[in-house]
């Protein structure tokens, strides 16, 4: 199992870099774990990249999960309706959307 840490900033300007960071792991057959604990800023574009990454790995039969995720990251996923698709469990602490940029 491999672990890939995500940076603190997943703003729109980071979406292309995120795609490049994840690309080498697309065909990796063993489980891949992403760490979003440090994420403080999230943009829809980066969540779209992550959703596509999860979807393509699932189509290939490869498991992808999050080891940890910040409240900002979980809240952005919740606002976009991507919690289930990204394997994030809803908690009562997902009510703070102060750091979500352009979530809708």
Foldseek 3Di string as FASTA:
>chain_A
DEEAEDAQEAAPVCQVVLLVSCVVVLPPAEEYEYEAQNHQAHEPSNVVSLLVSLVSSVVVVHHYAYPYHHLQVCLLCVLLVNCVSRVHDDDPSNPDNPRYDHSD
